[in-house]
Amino acid sequence: TRTAIVRVDNVSDLPATVEVQFHSKALRCREETVHVPARGAHELKFEFKPRRPNALYSKQVTLVNRRNRANEVAVNFKSNNIDPHNVSIHQLFYRLGLATPLLSPAAL
């Protein structure tokens, strides 16, 4: 299992309620909704457990501010799931990275 952290910054003077939207069997986030205080931040932890080799794995996760529906950010996860040595513990060779650059704090 590999993990990636997405930091959500709230630069507003109002609190934000952020909803994490996506469907995946391999990628998971334990938090579906998070409350970010005014001028605060929250880290979302994503866990990736590949189910089969896939050199082109990609998943888009949408972060929506429920208090301002026009405020939506897409985060793209990509992974190169290969097993170069044909071993049963193939998840040791997986990497998970964020394809989206650091999010603009103005987004949430």
PDB file of N, CA and C in Angstrom:
ATOM      1  N   THR A   1       0.842  -1.179   0.000  1.00  0.00           N
ATOM      2  CA  THR A   1       0.000   0.000   0.000  1.00  0.00           C
ATOM      3  C   THR A   1       0.884   1.238   0.000  1.00  0.00           C
ATOM      4  N   ARG A   2       0.548   2.187  -0.843  1.00  0.00           N
ATOM      5  CA  ARG A   2       1.263   3.456  -0.924  1.00  0.00           C
ATOM      6  C   ARG A   2       0.330   4.574  -0.511  1.00  0.00           C
ATOM      7  N   THR A   3       0.882   5.666  -0.018  1.00  0.00           N
ATOM      8  CA  THR A   3       0.054   6.779   0.420  1.00  0.00           C
ATOM      9  C   THR A   3       0.505   8.082  -0.233  1.00  0.00           C
ATOM     10  N   ALA A   4      -0.441   9.009  -0.330  1.00  0.00           N
ATOM     11  CA  ALA A   4      -0.166  10.361  -0.808  1.00  0.00           C
ATOM     12  C   ALA A   4      -0.985  11.309   0.056  1.00  0.00           C
ATOM     13  N   ILE A   5      -0.416  12.453   0.348  1.00  0.00           N
ATOM     14  CA  ILE A   5      -1.078  13.449   1.176  1.00  0.00           C
ATOM     15  C   ILE A   5      -1.448  14.645   0.302  1.00  0.00           C
ATOM     16  N   VAL A   6      -2.699  15.079   0.418  1.00  0.00           N
ATOM     17  CA  VAL A   6      -3.168  16.283  -0.270  1.00  0.00           C
ATOM     18  C   VAL A   6      -3.536  17.281   0.819  1.00  0.00           C
ATOM     19  N   ARG A   7      -2.885  18.425   0.792  1.00  0.00           N
ATOM     20  CA  ARG A   7      -3.161  19.457   1.787  1.00  0.00           C
ATOM     21  C   ARG A   7      -4.199  20.431   1.232  1.00  0.00           C
ATOM     22  N   VAL A   8      -5.254  20.640   2.003  1.00  0.00           N
ATOM     23  CA  VAL A   8      -6.312  21.573   1.633  1.00  0.00           C
ATOM     24  C   VAL A   8      -6.168  22.808   2.509  1.00  0.00           C
ATOM     25  N   ASP A   9      -5.883  23.946   1.887  1.00  0.00           N
ATOM     26  CA  ASP A   9      -5.740  25.214   2.601  1.00  0.00           C
ATOM     27  C   ASP A   9      -6.983  26.062   2.390  1.00  0.00           C
ATOM     28  N   ASN A  10      -7.483  26.632   3.452  1.00  0.00           N
ATOM     29  CA  ASN A  10      -8.615  27.542   3.376  1.00  0.00           C
ATOM     30  C   ASN A  10      -8.080  28.952   3.639  1.00  0.00           C
ATOM     31  N   VAL A  11      -8.034  29.775   2.600  1.00  0.00           N
ATOM     32  CA  VAL A  11      -7.519  31.140   2.747  1.00  0.00           C
ATOM     33  C   VAL A  11      -8.642  32.129   3.027  1.00  0.00           C
ATOM     34  N   SER A  12      -9.839  31.633   3.170  1.00  0.00           N
ATOM     35  CA  SER A  12     -10.999  32.476   3.414  1.00  0.00           C
ATOM     36  C   SER A  12     -11.152  32.782   4.901  1.00  0.00           C
ATOM     37  N   ASP A  13     -11.908  33.842   5.187  1.00  0.00           N
ATOM     38  CA  ASP A  13     -12.238  34.180   6.575  1.00  0.00           C
ATOM     39  C   ASP A  13     -13.448  33.392   7.069  1.00  0.00           C
ATOM     40  N   LEU A  14     -13.992  32.545   6.205  1.00  0.00           N
ATOM     41  CA  LEU A  14     -15.135  31.691   6.560  1.00  0.00           C
ATOM     42  C   LEU A  14     -14.700  30.238   6.576  1.00  0.00           C
ATOM     43  N   PRO A  15     -15.305  29.397   7.412  1.00  0.00           N
ATOM     44  CA  PRO A  15     -14.956  27.967   7.396  1.00  0.00           C
ATOM     45  C   PRO A  15     -15.434  27.319   6.102  1.00  0.00           C
ATOM     46  N   ALA A  16     -14.778  26.234   5.735  1.00  0.00           N
ATOM     47  CA  ALA A  16     -15.138  25.492   4.523  1.00  0.00           C
ATOM     48  C   ALA A  16     -15.467  24.057   4.885  1.00  0.00           C
ATOM     49  N   THR A  17     -16.389  23.481   4.155  1.00  0.00           N
ATOM     50  CA  THR A  17     -16.707  22.061   4.271  1.00  0.00           C
ATOM     51  C   THR A  17     -16.366  21.439   2.922  1.00  0.00           C
ATOM     52  N   VAL A  18     -15.351  20.592   2.897  1.00  0.00           N
ATOM     53  CA  VAL A  18     -14.852  20.031   1.658  1.00  0.00           C
ATOM     54  C   VAL A  18     -15.298  18.581   1.539  1.00  0.00           C
ATOM     55  N   GLU A  19     -15.898  18.265   0.398  1.00  0.00           N
ATOM     56  CA  GLU A  19     -16.351  16.904   0.113  1.00  0.00           C
ATOM     57  C   GLU A  19     -15.402  16.280  -0.907  1.00  0.00           C
ATOM     58  N   VAL A  20     -14.954  15.063  -0.633  1.00  0.00           N
ATOM     59  CA  VAL A  20     -14.050  14.333  -1.513  1.00  0.00           C
ATOM     60  C   VAL A  20     -14.902  13.399  -2.366  1.00  0.00           C
ATOM     61  N   GLN A  21     -14.857  13.580  -3.698  1.00  0.00           N
ATOM     62  CA  GLN A  21     -15.717  12.804  -4.594  1.00  0.00           C
ATOM     63  C   GLN A  21     -14.884  11.985  -5.575  1.00  0.00           C
ATOM     64  N   PHE A  22     -15.044  10.666  -5.527  1.00  0.00           N
ATOM     65  CA  PHE A  22     -14.437   9.757  -6.505  1.00  0.00           C
ATOM     66  C   PHE A  22     -14.912   8.341  -6.213  1.00  0.00           C
ATOM     67  N   HIS A  23     -14.748   7.464  -7.194  1.00  0.00           N
ATOM     68  CA  HIS A  23     -15.069   6.040  -7.023  1.00  0.00           C
ATOM     69  C   HIS A  23     -13.867   5.235  -7.501  1.00  0.00           C
ATOM     70  N   SER A  24     -13.378   4.371  -6.644  1.00  0.00           N
ATOM     71  CA  SER A  24     -12.231   3.543  -6.999  1.00  0.00           C
ATOM     72  C   SER A  24     -12.140   2.369  -6.036  1.00  0.00           C
ATOM     73  N   LYS A  25     -11.701   1.240  -6.557  1.00  0.00           N
ATOM     74  CA  LYS A  25     -11.444   0.087  -5.700  1.00  0.00           C
ATOM     75  C   LYS A  25     -10.000   0.099  -5.196  1.00  0.00           C
ATOM     76  N   ALA A  26      -9.109   0.751  -5.939  1.00  0.00           N
ATOM     77  CA  ALA A  26      -7.696   0.749  -5.591  1.00  0.00           C
ATOM     78  C   ALA A  26      -7.289   1.957  -4.742  1.00  0.00           C
ATOM     79  N   LEU A  27      -7.931   3.094  -4.968  1.00  0.00           N
ATOM     80  CA  LEU A  27      -7.587   4.318  -4.252  1.00  0.00           C
ATOM     81  C   LEU A  27      -8.651   4.591  -3.208  1.00  0.00           C
ATOM     82  N   ARG A  28      -8.223   4.962  -1.997  1.00  0.00           N
ATOM     83  CA  ARG A  28      -9.209   5.248  -0.951  1.00  0.00           C
ATOM     84  C   ARG A  28      -8.753   6.414  -0.087  1.00  0.00           C
ATOM     85  N   CYS A  29      -9.754   7.134   0.406  1.00  0.00           N
ATOM     86  CA  CYS A  29      -9.551   8.211   1.365  1.00  0.00           C
ATOM     87  C   CYS A  29     -10.565   7.953   2.467  1.00  0.00           C
ATOM     88  N   ARG A  30     -10.103   7.887   3.692  1.00  0.00           N
ATOM     89  CA  ARG A  30     -11.002   7.560   4.804  1.00  0.00           C
ATOM     90  C   ARG A  30     -11.982   8.680   5.120  1.00  0.00           C
ATOM     91  N   GLU A  31     -11.667   9.879   4.701  1.00  0.00           N
ATOM     92  CA  GLU A  31     -12.533  11.017   4.990  1.00  0.00           C
ATOM     93  C   GLU A  31     -13.316  11.415   3.740  1.00  0.00           C
ATOM     94  N   GLU A  32     -14.622  11.388   3.833  1.00  0.00           N
ATOM     95  CA  GLU A  32     -15.460  11.800   2.710  1.00  0.00           C
ATOM     96  C   GLU A  32     -15.762  13.286   2.773  1.00  0.00           C
ATOM     97  N   THR A  33     -15.863  13.819   3.981  1.00  0.00           N
ATOM     98  CA  THR A  33     -16.144  15.229   4.186  1.00  0.00           C
ATOM     99  C   THR A  33     -15.248  15.736   5.314  1.00  0.00           C
ATOM    100  N   VAL A  34     -14.627  16.885   5.097  1.00  0.00           N
ATOM    101  CA  VAL A  34     -13.774  17.480   6.127  1.00  0.00           C
ATOM    102  C   VAL A  34     -14.166  18.940   6.333  1.00  0.00           C
ATOM    103  N   HIS A  35     -14.026  19.387   7.551  1.00  0.00           N
ATOM    104  CA  HIS A  35     -14.314  20.770   7.892  1.00  0.00           C
ATOM    105  C   HIS A  35     -12.974  21.477   8.090  1.00  0.00           C
ATOM    106  N   VAL A  36     -12.757  22.530   7.307  1.00  0.00           N
ATOM    107  CA  VAL A  36     -11.515  23.288   7.384  1.00  0.00           C
ATOM    108  C   VAL A  36     -11.845  24.653   7.972  1.00  0.00           C
ATOM    109  N   PRO A  37     -11.260  24.987   9.120  1.00  0.00           N
ATOM    110  CA  PRO A  37     -11.575  26.273   9.745  1.00  0.00           C
ATOM    111  C   PRO A  37     -11.075  27.447   8.897  1.00  0.00           C
ATOM    112  N   ALA A  38     -11.585  28.615   9.187  1.00  0.00           N
ATOM    113  CA  ALA A  38     -11.139  29.824   8.496  1.00  0.00           C
ATOM    114  C   ALA A  38      -9.627  29.973   8.654  1.00  0.00           C
ATOM    115  N   ARG A  39      -8.964  30.268   7.550  1.00  0.00           N
ATOM    116  CA  ARG A  39      -7.501  30.437   7.532  1.00  0.00           C
ATOM    117  C   ARG A  39      -6.760  29.199   8.029  1.00  0.00           C
ATOM    118  N   GLY A  40      -7.398  28.051   7.923  1.00  0.00           N
ATOM    119  CA  GLY A  40      -6.792  26.807   8.401  1.00  0.00           C
ATOM    120  C   GLY A  40      -6.444  25.870   7.263  1.00  0.00           C
ATOM    121  N   ALA A  41      -5.985  24.693   7.626  1.00  0.00           N
ATOM    122  CA  ALA A  41      -5.586  23.685   6.645  1.00  0.00           C
ATOM    123  C   ALA A  41      -5.952  22.300   7.175  1.00  0.00           C
ATOM    124  N   HIS A  42      -6.059  21.358   6.250  1.00  0.00           N
ATOM    125  CA  HIS A  42      -6.332  19.963   6.611  1.00  0.00           C
ATOM    126  C   HIS A  42      -5.621  19.079   5.602  1.00  0.00           C
ATOM    127  N   GLU A  43      -5.019  17.997   6.075  1.00  0.00           N
ATOM    128  CA  GLU A  43      -4.343  17.060   5.185  1.00  0.00           C
ATOM    129  C   GLU A  43      -5.217  15.835   4.963  1.00  0.00           C
ATOM    130  N   LEU A  44      -5.450  15.531   3.696  1.00  0.00           N
ATOM    131  CA  LEU A  44      -6.202  14.334   3.320  1.00  0.00           C
ATOM    132  C   LEU A  44      -5.209  13.243   2.956  1.00  0.00           C
ATOM    133  N   LYS A  45      -5.381  12.075   3.541  1.00  0.00           N
ATOM    134  CA  LYS A  45      -4.480  10.960   3.270  1.00  0.00           C
ATOM    135  C   LYS A  45      -5.171   9.992   2.308  1.00  0.00           C
ATOM    136  N   PHE A  46      -4.526   9.748   1.178  1.00  0.00           N
ATOM    137  CA  PHE A  46      -5.030   8.801   0.188  1.00  0.00           C
ATOM    138  C   PHE A  46      -4.154   7.558   0.217  1.00  0.00           C
ATOM    139  N   GLU A  47      -4.788   6.394   0.221  1.00  0.00           N
ATOM    140  CA  GLU A  47      -4.064   5.126   0.206  1.00  0.00           C
ATOM    141  C   GLU A  47      -4.344   4.423  -1.116  1.00  0.00           C
ATOM    142  N   PHE A  48      -3.287   3.889  -1.699  1.00  0.00           N
ATOM    143  CA  PHE A  48      -3.400   3.205  -2.988  1.00  0.00           C
ATOM    144  C   PHE A  48      -2.957   1.764  -2.827  1.00  0.00           C
ATOM    145  N   LYS A  49      -3.865   0.858  -3.106  1.00  0.00           N
ATOM    146  CA  LYS A  49      -3.559  -0.571  -3.047  1.00  0.00           C
ATOM    147  C   LYS A  49      -3.960  -1.168  -4.392  1.00  0.00           C
ATOM    148  N   PRO A  50      -2.998  -1.331  -5.301  1.00  0.00           N
ATOM    149  CA  PRO A  50      -3.308  -1.822  -6.641  1.00  0.00           C
ATOM    150  C   PRO A  50      -3.847  -3.241  -6.616  1.00  0.00           C
ATOM    151  N   ARG A  51      -4.743  -3.485  -7.521  1.00  0.00           N
ATOM    152  CA  ARG A  51      -5.367  -4.799  -7.620  1.00  0.00           C
ATOM    153  C   ARG A  51      -4.735  -5.646  -8.718  1.00  0.00           C
ATOM    154  N   ARG A  52      -4.120  -4.994  -9.692  1.00  0.00           N
ATOM    155  CA  ARG A  52      -3.456  -5.719 -10.778  1.00  0.00           C
ATOM    156  C   ARG A  52      -2.464  -4.781 -11.456  1.00  0.00           C
ATOM    157  N   PRO A  53      -1.477  -5.303 -12.169  1.00  0.00           N
ATOM    158  CA  PRO A  53      -0.537  -4.441 -12.897  1.00  0.00           C
ATOM    159  C   PRO A  53      -1.281  -3.597 -13.933  1.00  0.00           C
ATOM    160  N   ASN A  54      -0.938  -2.328 -13.985  1.00  0.00           N
ATOM    161  CA  ASN A  54      -1.545  -1.395 -14.927  1.00  0.00           C
ATOM    162  C   ASN A  54      -0.575  -0.235 -15.081  1.00  0.00           C
ATOM    163  N   ALA A  55       0.079  -0.145 -16.213  1.00  0.00           N
ATOM    164  CA  ALA A  55       1.098   0.890 -16.429  1.00  0.00           C
ATOM    165  C   ALA A  55       0.489   2.275 -16.605  1.00  0.00           C
ATOM    166  N   LEU A  56      -0.815   2.363 -16.809  1.00  0.00           N
ATOM    167  CA  LEU A  56      -1.442   3.658 -17.088  1.00  0.00           C
ATOM    168  C   LEU A  56      -2.541   3.997 -16.088  1.00  0.00           C
ATOM    169  N   TYR A  57      -2.407   3.566 -14.837  1.00  0.00           N
ATOM    170  CA  TYR A  57      -3.461   3.855 -13.855  1.00  0.00           C
ATOM    171  C   TYR A  57      -3.582   5.355 -13.635  1.00  0.00           C
ATOM    172  N   SER A  58      -4.816   5.830 -13.618  1.00  0.00           N
ATOM    173  CA  SER A  58      -5.085   7.240 -13.390  1.00  0.00           C
ATOM    174  C   SER A  58      -6.459   7.377 -12.763  1.00  0.00           C
ATOM    175  N   LYS A  59      -6.581   8.316 -11.836  1.00  0.00           N
ATOM    176  CA  LYS A  59      -7.865   8.552 -11.168  1.00  0.00           C
ATOM    177  C   LYS A  59      -7.968  10.033 -10.856  1.00  0.00           C
ATOM    178  N   GLN A  60      -9.130  10.599 -11.166  1.00  0.00           N
ATOM    179  CA  GLN A  60      -9.385  12.001 -10.849  1.00  0.00           C
ATOM    180  C   GLN A  60     -10.251  12.065  -9.610  1.00  0.00           C
ATOM    181  N   VAL A  61      -9.816  12.867  -8.652  1.00  0.00           N
ATOM    182  CA  VAL A  61     -10.551  13.098  -7.409  1.00  0.00           C
ATOM    183  C   VAL A  61     -10.983  14.556  -7.412  1.00  0.00           C
ATOM    184  N   THR A  62     -12.246  14.787  -7.099  1.00  0.00           N
ATOM    185  CA  THR A  62     -12.767  16.148  -7.074  1.00  0.00           C
ATOM    186  C   THR A  62     -12.990  16.579  -5.631  1.00  0.00           C
ATOM    187  N   LEU A  63     -12.477  17.751  -5.292  1.00  0.00           N
ATOM    188  CA  LEU A  63     -12.682  18.346  -3.975  1.00  0.00           C
ATOM    189  C   LEU A  63     -13.660  19.496  -4.157  1.00  0.00           C
ATOM    190  N   VAL A  64     -14.809  19.401  -3.495  1.00  0.00           N
ATOM    191  CA  VAL A  64     -15.863  20.387  -3.656  1.00  0.00           C
ATOM    192  C   VAL A  64     -16.115  21.086  -2.324  1.00  0.00           C
ATOM    193  N   ASN A  65     -16.127  22.408  -2.361  1.00  0.00           N
ATOM    194  CA  ASN A  65     -16.473  23.194  -1.186  1.00  0.00           C
ATOM    195  C   ASN A  65     -17.997  23.233  -1.113  1.00  0.00           C
ATOM    196  N   ARG A  66     -18.583  22.545  -0.145  1.00  0.00           N
ATOM    197  CA  ARG A  66     -20.042  22.458  -0.055  1.00  0.00           C
ATOM    198  C   ARG A  66     -20.691  23.787   0.304  1.00  0.00           C
ATOM    199  N   ARG A  67     -19.908  24.712   0.805  1.00  0.00           N
ATOM    200  CA  ARG A  67     -20.456  26.029   1.133  1.00  0.00           C
ATOM    201  C   ARG A  67     -20.372  26.986  -0.048  1.00  0.00           C
ATOM    202  N   ASN A  68     -19.666  26.565  -1.105  1.00  0.00           N
ATOM    203  CA  ASN A  68     -19.550  27.357  -2.321  1.00  0.00           C
ATOM    204  C   ASN A  68     -19.346  26.374  -3.473  1.00  0.00           C
ATOM    205  N   ARG A  69     -20.425  25.907  -4.075  1.00  0.00           N
ATOM    206  CA  ARG A  69     -20.350  24.865  -5.108  1.00  0.00           C
ATOM    207  C   ARG A  69     -19.530  25.283  -6.326  1.00  0.00           C
ATOM    208  N   ALA A  70     -19.353  26.571  -6.549  1.00  0.00           N
ATOM    209  CA  ALA A  70     -18.538  27.025  -7.673  1.00  0.00           C
ATOM    210  C   ALA A  70     -17.054  26.783  -7.404  1.00  0.00           C
ATOM    211  N   ASN A  71     -16.708  26.467  -6.177  1.00  0.00           N
ATOM    212  CA  ASN A  71     -15.334  26.248  -5.751  1.00  0.00           C
ATOM    213  C   ASN A  71     -15.035  24.755  -5.782  1.00  0.00           C
ATOM    214  N   GLU A  72     -14.468  24.295  -6.883  1.00  0.00           N
ATOM    215  CA  GLU A  72     -14.223  22.871  -7.098  1.00  0.00           C
ATOM    216  C   GLU A  72     -12.814  22.699  -7.656  1.00  0.00           C
ATOM    217  N   VAL A  73     -12.081  21.708  -7.124  1.00  0.00           N
ATOM    218  CA  VAL A  73     -10.713  21.455  -7.563  1.00  0.00           C
ATOM    219  C   VAL A  73     -10.581  19.985  -7.924  1.00  0.00           C
ATOM    220  N   ALA A  74      -9.961  19.723  -9.071  1.00  0.00           N
ATOM    221  CA  ALA A  74      -9.703  18.341  -9.499  1.00  0.00           C
ATOM    222  C   ALA A  74      -8.244  18.003  -9.214  1.00  0.00           C
ATOM    223  N   VAL A  75      -8.034  16.846  -8.605  1.00  0.00           N
ATOM    224  CA  VAL A  75      -6.689  16.343  -8.318  1.00  0.00           C
ATOM    225  C   VAL A  75      -6.544  15.038  -9.076  1.00  0.00           C
ATOM    226  N   ASN A  76      -5.489  14.912  -9.877  1.00  0.00           N
ATOM    227  CA  ASN A  76      -5.269  13.707 -10.673  1.00  0.00           C
ATOM    228  C   ASN A  76      -4.174  12.857 -10.043  1.00  0.00           C
ATOM    229  N   PHE A  77      -4.495  11.598  -9.800  1.00  0.00           N
ATOM    230  CA  PHE A  77      -3.521  10.636  -9.294  1.00  0.00           C
ATOM    231  C   PHE A  77      -3.108   9.741 -10.451  1.00  0.00           C
ATOM    232  N   LYS A  78      -1.819   9.472 -10.553  1.00  0.00           N
ATOM    233  CA  LYS A  78      -1.325   8.558 -11.581  1.00  0.00           C
ATOM    234  C   LYS A  78      -0.374   7.574 -10.930  1.00  0.00           C
ATOM    235  N   SER A  79      -0.372   6.367 -11.459  1.00  0.00           N
ATOM    236  CA  SER A  79       0.520   5.350 -10.929  1.00  0.00           C
ATOM    237  C   SER A  79       0.979   4.444 -12.058  1.00  0.00           C
ATOM    238  N   ASN A  80       2.208   4.024 -11.972  1.00  0.00           N
ATOM    239  CA  ASN A  80       2.775   3.083 -12.928  1.00  0.00           C
ATOM    240  C   ASN A  80       2.882   1.741 -12.215  1.00  0.00           C
ATOM    241  N   ASN A  81       1.868   0.919 -12.370  1.00  0.00           N
ATOM    242  CA  ASN A  81       1.789  -0.364 -11.662  1.00  0.00           C
ATOM    243  C   ASN A  81       2.366  -1.464 -12.538  1.00  0.00           C
ATOM    244  N   ILE A  82       3.642  -1.696 -12.372  1.00  0.00           N
ATOM    245  CA  ILE A  82       4.267  -2.749 -13.163  1.00  0.00           C
ATOM    246  C   ILE A  82       4.974  -3.724 -12.234  1.00  0.00           C
ATOM    247  N   ASP A  83       5.192  -4.888 -12.735  1.00  0.00           N
ATOM    248  CA  ASP A  83       5.880  -5.927 -11.988  1.00  0.00           C
ATOM    249  C   ASP A  83       7.071  -6.381 -12.832  1.00  0.00           C
ATOM    250  N   PRO A  84       8.183  -5.647 -12.787  1.00  0.00           N
ATOM    251  CA  PRO A  84       9.298  -5.960 -13.679  1.00  0.00           C
ATOM    252  C   PRO A  84       9.951  -7.313 -13.421  1.00  0.00           C
ATOM    253  N   HIS A  85       9.780  -7.848 -12.220  1.00  0.00           N
ATOM    254  CA  HIS A  85      10.445  -9.107 -11.881  1.00  0.00           C
ATOM    255  C   HIS A  85       9.481 -10.272 -11.758  1.00  0.00           C
ATOM    256  N   ASN A  86       8.196 -10.041 -12.063  1.00  0.00           N
ATOM    257  CA  ASN A  86       7.191 -11.109 -12.014  1.00  0.00           C
ATOM    258  C   ASN A  86       7.177 -11.801 -10.649  1.00  0.00           C
ATOM    259  N   VAL A  87       7.101 -11.012  -9.591  1.00  0.00           N
ATOM    260  CA  VAL A  87       7.071 -11.583  -8.253  1.00  0.00           C
ATOM    261  C   VAL A  87       5.701 -11.379  -7.647  1.00  0.00           C
ATOM    262  N   SER A  88       5.354 -12.204  -6.708  1.00  0.00           N
ATOM    263  CA  SER A  88       4.013 -12.122  -6.123  1.00  0.00           C
ATOM    264  C   SER A  88       3.849 -10.920  -5.198  1.00  0.00           C
ATOM    265  N   ILE A  89       4.938 -10.382  -4.707  1.00  0.00           N
ATOM    266  CA  ILE A  89       4.846  -9.201  -3.846  1.00  0.00           C
ATOM    267  C   ILE A  89       5.027  -7.948  -4.708  1.00  0.00           C
ATOM    268  N   HIS A  90       4.318  -7.919  -5.808  1.00  0.00           N
ATOM    269  CA  HIS A  90       4.514  -6.877  -6.809  1.00  0.00           C
ATOM    270  C   HIS A  90       4.196  -5.472  -6.313  1.00  0.00           C
ATOM    271  N   GLN A  91       3.437  -5.312  -5.260  1.00  0.00           N
ATOM    272  CA  GLN A  91       3.100  -3.955  -4.830  1.00  0.00           C
ATOM    273  C   GLN A  91       4.319  -3.200  -4.309  1.00  0.00           C
ATOM    274  N   LEU A  92       5.420  -3.887  -4.056  1.00  0.00           N
ATOM    275  CA  LEU A  92       6.638  -3.194  -3.645  1.00  0.00           C
ATOM    276  C   LEU A  92       7.189  -2.312  -4.764  1.00  0.00           C
ATOM    277  N   PHE A  93       6.770  -2.575  -5.995  1.00  0.00           N
ATOM    278  CA  PHE A  93       7.286  -1.844  -7.143  1.00  0.00           C
ATOM    279  C   PHE A  93       6.341  -0.740  -7.600  1.00  0.00           C
ATOM    280  N   TYR A  94       5.270  -0.486  -6.889  1.00  0.00           N
ATOM    281  CA  TYR A  94       4.302   0.537  -7.270  1.00  0.00           C
ATOM    282  C   TYR A  94       4.679   1.872  -6.670  1.00  0.00           C
ATOM    283  N   ARG A  95       4.346   2.919  -7.394  1.00  0.00           N
ATOM    284  CA  ARG A  95       4.521   4.274  -6.890  1.00  0.00           C
ATOM    285  C   ARG A  95       3.232   5.034  -7.129  1.00  0.00           C
ATOM    286  N   LEU A  96       2.928   5.947  -6.262  1.00  0.00           N
ATOM    287  CA  LEU A  96       1.752   6.781  -6.399  1.00  0.00           C
ATOM    288  C   LEU A  96       2.203   8.224  -6.358  1.00  0.00           C
ATOM    289  N   GLY A  97       1.785   8.991  -7.348  1.00  0.00           N
ATOM    290  CA  GLY A  97       2.172  10.391  -7.395  1.00  0.00           C
ATOM    291  C   GLY A  97       1.000  11.257  -7.781  1.00  0.00           C
ATOM    292  N   LEU A  98       1.096  12.516  -7.424  1.00  0.00           N
ATOM    293  CA  LEU A  98       0.072  13.482  -7.801  1.00  0.00           C
ATOM    294  C   LEU A  98       0.445  14.069  -9.147  1.00  0.00           C
ATOM    295  N   ALA A  99      -0.467  13.999 -10.095  1.00  0.00           N
ATOM    296  CA  ALA A  99      -0.225  14.573 -11.409  1.00  0.00           C
ATOM    297  C   ALA A  99      -0.539  16.061 -11.413  1.00  0.00           C
ATOM    298  N   THR A 100      -1.336  16.505 -10.452  1.00  0.00           N
ATOM    299  CA  THR A 100      -1.725  17.908 -10.345  1.00  0.00           C
ATOM    300  C   THR A 100      -0.678  18.635  -9.515  1.00  0.00           C
ATOM    301  N   PRO A 101      -0.212  19.803  -9.977  1.00  0.00           N
ATOM    302  CA  PRO A 101       0.717  20.563  -9.131  1.00  0.00           C
ATOM    303  C   PRO A 101       0.036  21.018  -7.864  1.00  0.00           C
ATOM    304  N   LEU A 102       0.793  21.554  -6.940  1.00  0.00           N
ATOM    305  CA  LEU A 102       0.208  22.018  -5.678  1.00  0.00           C
ATOM    306  C   LEU A 102      -0.983  22.916  -5.949  1.00  0.00           C
ATOM    307  N   LEU A 103      -2.026  22.719  -5.176  1.00  0.00           N
ATOM    308  CA  LEU A 103      -3.263  23.442  -5.387  1.00  0.00           C
ATOM    309  C   LEU A 103      -3.118  24.908  -4.990  1.00  0.00           C
ATOM    310  N   SER A 104      -3.772  25.748  -5.725  1.00  0.00           N
ATOM    311  CA  SER A 104      -3.816  27.159  -5.374  1.00  0.00           C
ATOM    312  C   SER A 104      -4.649  27.332  -4.138  1.00  0.00           C
ATOM    313  N   PRO A 105      -4.145  28.017  -3.116  1.00  0.00           N
ATOM    314  CA  PRO A 105      -4.924  28.177  -1.884  1.00  0.00           C
ATOM    315  C   PRO A 105      -6.236  28.930  -2.129  1.00  0.00           C
ATOM    316  N   ALA A 106      -6.322  29.677  -3.192  1.00  0.00           N
ATOM    317  CA  ALA A 106      -7.560  30.401  -3.474  1.00  0.00           C
ATOM    318  C   ALA A 106      -8.680  29.456  -3.854  1.00  0.00           C
ATOM    319  N   ALA A 107      -8.324  28.199  -4.125  1.00  0.00           N
ATOM    320  CA  ALA A 107      -9.331  27.244  -4.557  1.00  0.00           C
ATOM    321  C   ALA A 107     -10.292  26.857  -3.451  1.00  0.00           C
ATOM    322  N   LEU A 108      -9.816  26.802  -2.220  1.00  0.00           N
ATOM    323  CA  LEU A 108     -10.703  26.379  -1.122  1.00  0.00           C
ATOM    324  C   LEU A 108     -10.626  27.339   0.022  1.00  0.00           C
TER     325      LEU A 108
END
